[in-house]
C-alpha atoms as a PDB file:
ATOM      1  CA  MET A   1      -0.011  -0.006   0.005  1.00  0.00           C
ATOM      2  CA  LYS A   2       1.443   3.350  -1.058  1.00  0.00           C
ATOM      3  CA  SER A   3       1.517   6.251   1.323  1.00  0.00           C
ATOM      4  CA  SER A   4      -0.153   9.509   0.367  1.00  0.00           C
ATOM      5  CA  ALA A   5       3.261  11.105  -0.047  1.00  0.00           C
ATOM      6  CA  ILE A   6       4.333   8.444  -2.582  1.00  0.00           C
ATOM      7  CA  MET A   7       1.074   8.784  -4.450  1.00  0.00           C
ATOM      8  CA  THR A   8       1.484  12.585  -4.570  1.00  0.00           C
ATOM      9  CA  MET A   9       5.086  12.225  -5.802  1.00  0.00           C
ATOM     10  CA  THR A  10       3.946   9.739  -8.476  1.00  0.00           C
ATOM     11  CA  LYS A  11       1.289  12.149  -9.731  1.00  0.00           C
ATOM     12  CA  MET A  12       3.766  15.000  -9.796  1.00  0.00           C
ATOM     13  CA  MET A  13       6.300  12.929 -11.705  1.00  0.00           C
ATOM     14  CA  GLU A  14       3.747  11.699 -14.171  1.00  0.00           C
ATOM     15  CA  SER A  15       2.790  15.291 -15.009  1.00  0.00           C
ATOM     16  CA  LEU A  16       6.363  15.925 -16.320  1.00  0.00           C
ATOM     17  CA  PRO A  17       7.858  15.004 -19.712  1.00  0.00           C
ATOM     18  CA  GLU A  18      10.044  11.919 -19.548  1.00  0.00           C
ATOM     19  CA  SER A  19      13.311  13.892 -19.765  1.00  0.00           C
ATOM     20  CA  ALA A  20      12.215  16.022 -16.825  1.00  0.00           C
ATOM     21  CA  GLN A  21      11.165  12.874 -14.924  1.00  0.00           C
ATOM     22  CA  ASN A  22      14.708  11.520 -15.328  1.00  0.00           C
ATOM     23  CA  GLN A  23      16.212  14.751 -14.096  1.00  0.00           C
ATOM     24  CA  ALA A  24      13.863  14.870 -11.124  1.00  0.00           C
ATOM     25  CA  LEU A  25      14.571  11.229 -10.365  1.00  0.00           C
ATOM     26  CA  GLU A  26      18.333  11.824 -10.276  1.00  0.00           C
ATOM     27  CA  GLN A  27      17.910  14.811  -7.962  1.00  0.00           C
ATOM     28  CA  LEU A  28      15.574  12.759  -5.780  1.00  0.00           C
ATOM     29  CA  ARG A  29      18.151   9.935  -5.598  1.00  0.00           C
ATOM     30  CA  VAL A  30      20.824  12.408  -4.374  1.00  0.00           C
ATOM     31  CA  TYR A  31      18.419  14.000  -1.887  1.00  0.00           C
ATOM     32  CA  ILE A  32      17.291  10.655  -0.462  1.00  0.00           C
ATOM     33  CA  SER A  33      20.884   9.480  -0.194  1.00  0.00           C
ATOM     34  CA  GLU A  34      21.785  12.597   1.773  1.00  0.00           C
ATOM     35  CA  MET A  35      18.736  12.113   4.016  1.00  0.00           C
ATOM     36  CA  GLN A  36      19.761   8.494   4.682  1.00  0.00           C
ATOM     37  CA  THR A  37      23.273   9.564   5.531  1.00  0.00           C
ATOM     38  CA  GLU A  38      21.964  12.236   7.902  1.00  0.00           C
ATOM     39  CA  GLN A  39      19.614   9.714   9.532  1.00  0.00           C
ATOM     40  CA  LYS A  40      22.527   7.286  10.045  1.00  0.00           C
ATOM     41  CA  TRP A  41      24.620  10.030  11.687  1.00  0.00           C
ATOM     42  CA  ASP A  42      21.677  10.906  13.961  1.00  0.00           C
ATOM     43  CA  GLU A  43      21.363   7.232  14.972  1.00  0.00           C
ATOM     44  CA  LEU A  44      25.076   6.901  15.634  1.00  0.00           C
ATOM     45  CA  PHE A  45      25.154  10.141  17.629  1.00  0.00           C
ATOM     46  CA  SER A  46      22.195   9.109  19.780  1.00  0.00           C
ATOM     47  CA  GLN A  47      23.878   5.757  20.514  1.00  0.00           C
ATOM     48  CA  THR A  48      27.039   7.488  21.763  1.00  0.00           C
ATOM     49  CA  GLN A  49      25.477  10.469  23.467  1.00  0.00           C
ATOM     50  CA  SER A  50      25.954   9.088  27.026  1.00  0.00           C
ATOM     51  CA  GLN A  51      29.623   8.434  26.238  1.00  0.00           C
ATOM     52  CA  LEU A  52      30.033  11.994  24.954  1.00  0.00           C
ATOM     53  CA  VAL A  53      28.437  13.380  28.121  1.00  0.00           C
ATOM     54  CA  ALA A  54      30.755  11.279  30.268  1.00  0.00           C
ATOM     55  CA  ALA A  55      33.811  12.471  28.304  1.00  0.00           C
ATOM     56  CA  ALA A  56      32.711  16.095  28.659  1.00  0.00           C
ATOM     57  CA  ARG A  57      32.235  15.665  32.407  1.00  0.00           C
ATOM     58  CA  GLN A  58      35.685  14.085  32.680  1.00  0.00           C
ATOM     59  CA  ALA A  59      37.214  16.943  30.721  1.00  0.00           C
ATOM     60  CA  ARG A  60      35.559  19.559  32.944  1.00  0.00           C
ATOM     61  CA  LYS A  61      36.795  17.714  36.005  1.00  0.00           C
ATOM     62  CA  GLU A  62      40.357  17.651  34.706  1.00  0.00           C
ATOM     63  CA  ILE A  63      40.169  21.351  33.812  1.00  0.00           C
ATOM     64  CA  ALA A  64      38.913  22.164  37.321  1.00  0.00           C
ATOM     65  CA  MET A  65      41.771  20.137  38.837  1.00  0.00           C
ATOM     66  CA  GLY A  66      44.354  21.939  36.661  1.00  0.00           C
ATOM     67  CA  LYS A  67      45.255  18.789  34.775  1.00  0.00           C
ATOM     68  CA  SER A  68      44.766  20.370  31.376  1.00  0.00           C
ATOM     69  CA  LYS A  69      46.362  23.113  29.377  1.00  0.00           C
ATOM     70  CA  PRO A  70      45.131  25.174  26.436  1.00  0.00           C
ATOM     71  CA  MET A  71      45.542  23.518  23.045  1.00  0.00           C
ATOM     72  CA  ASP A  72      48.461  24.800  21.014  1.00  0.00           C
ATOM     73  CA  PHE A  73      46.980  24.748  17.503  1.00  0.00           C
ATOM     74  CA  ASP A  74      50.389  25.529  15.978  1.00  0.00           C
ATOM     75  CA  ARG A  75      51.594  22.107  17.070  1.00  0.00           C
ATOM     76  CA  LEU A  76      48.842  20.202  15.263  1.00  0.00           C
END
């Protein structure tokens, strides 16, 4: 069963000449690929969020204890 969004997209595509359909399809492929990549990053980030929070807390603790020094970007 098609969703209403897919049915709408199908109708929109059908209203275009074939060459324009091909162009739209290629742009849609790129757009969907970018959306999938973004979704994957969001999933990965959410899975590691607690670890990032713990690392940030540890860094703040070390800064408060004087165990850190400013980063020297010229040495990178």
